């Protein structure tokens, strides 16, 4: 559903979240020595560095 992929030393998402689920959000995902936040709604999403490093 999230299609989370590594791109260099960053994460990327190409989500496909069913309307029945609505939204998926994850915080404090550790990858590449950093902490990330992920949010996806339908076919839109973002991945960004967390402020909580």
Protein backbone atom coordinates (compact mmCIF):
# COMPACT_ATOMS: atom_id res chain seq x y z
CA UNK A 1 0.00 0.00 0.00
CA UNK A 2 2.78 2.46 0.81
CA UNK A 3 5.33 1.23 -1.76
CA UNK A 4 8.14 2.60 0.40
CA UNK A 5 11.47 2.51 -1.48
CA UNK A 6 15.04 3.61 -0.78
CA UNK A 7 16.32 6.28 -3.20
CA UNK A 8 19.97 6.95 -2.51
CA UNK A 9 20.01 7.72 1.21
CA UNK A 10 16.38 8.86 1.33
CA UNK A 11 12.99 7.15 1.34
CA UNK A 12 10.28 7.57 -1.28
CA UNK A 13 6.65 6.47 -1.36
CA UNK A 14 4.19 5.81 -4.17
CA UNK A 15 1.07 4.95 -2.13
CA UNK A 16 -2.24 3.39 -3.13
CA UNK A 17 -4.40 3.59 0.00
CA UNK A 18 -7.98 2.30 -0.38
CA UNK A 19 -10.75 4.78 0.55
CA UNK A 20 -11.92 2.36 3.27
CA UNK A 21 -8.61 2.90 5.08
CA UNK A 22 -8.35 6.61 4.35
CA UNK A 23 -4.96 7.63 5.72
CA UNK A 24 -1.79 5.95 6.94
CA UNK A 25 0.76 7.85 9.01
CA UNK A 26 3.95 6.51 10.58
CA UNK A 27 6.43 8.38 12.72
CA UNK A 28 9.94 7.56 13.87
CA UNK A 29 10.77 5.13 11.07
CA UNK A 30 14.53 4.56 11.28
CA UNK A 31 16.46 4.22 8.02
CA UNK A 32 19.89 5.35 6.81
CA UNK A 33 20.80 6.46 10.33
CA UNK A 34 17.95 8.99 10.43
CA UNK A 35 14.37 9.18 11.67
CA UNK A 36 11.53 9.67 9.14
CA UNK A 37 7.81 10.54 9.07
CA UNK A 38 5.54 9.02 6.42
CA UNK A 39 1.97 9.96 5.54
CA UNK A 40 -0.22 8.69 2.70
CA UNK A 41 -3.80 9.40 1.58
CA UNK A 42 -5.09 7.72 -1.57
CA UNK A 43 -2.35 8.07 -4.18
CA UNK A 44 -0.63 11.03 -2.50
CA UNK A 45 2.02 10.80 0.15
CA UNK A 46 5.12 12.32 1.65
CA UNK A 47 8.26 11.18 3.39
CA UNK A 48 10.26 13.69 5.40
CA UNK A 49 12.91 13.75 8.08
CA UNK A 50 11.47 13.80 11.58
CA UNK A 51 12.08 16.77 13.85
CA UNK A 52 12.75 14.27 16.68
CA UNK A 53 16.23 13.13 15.55
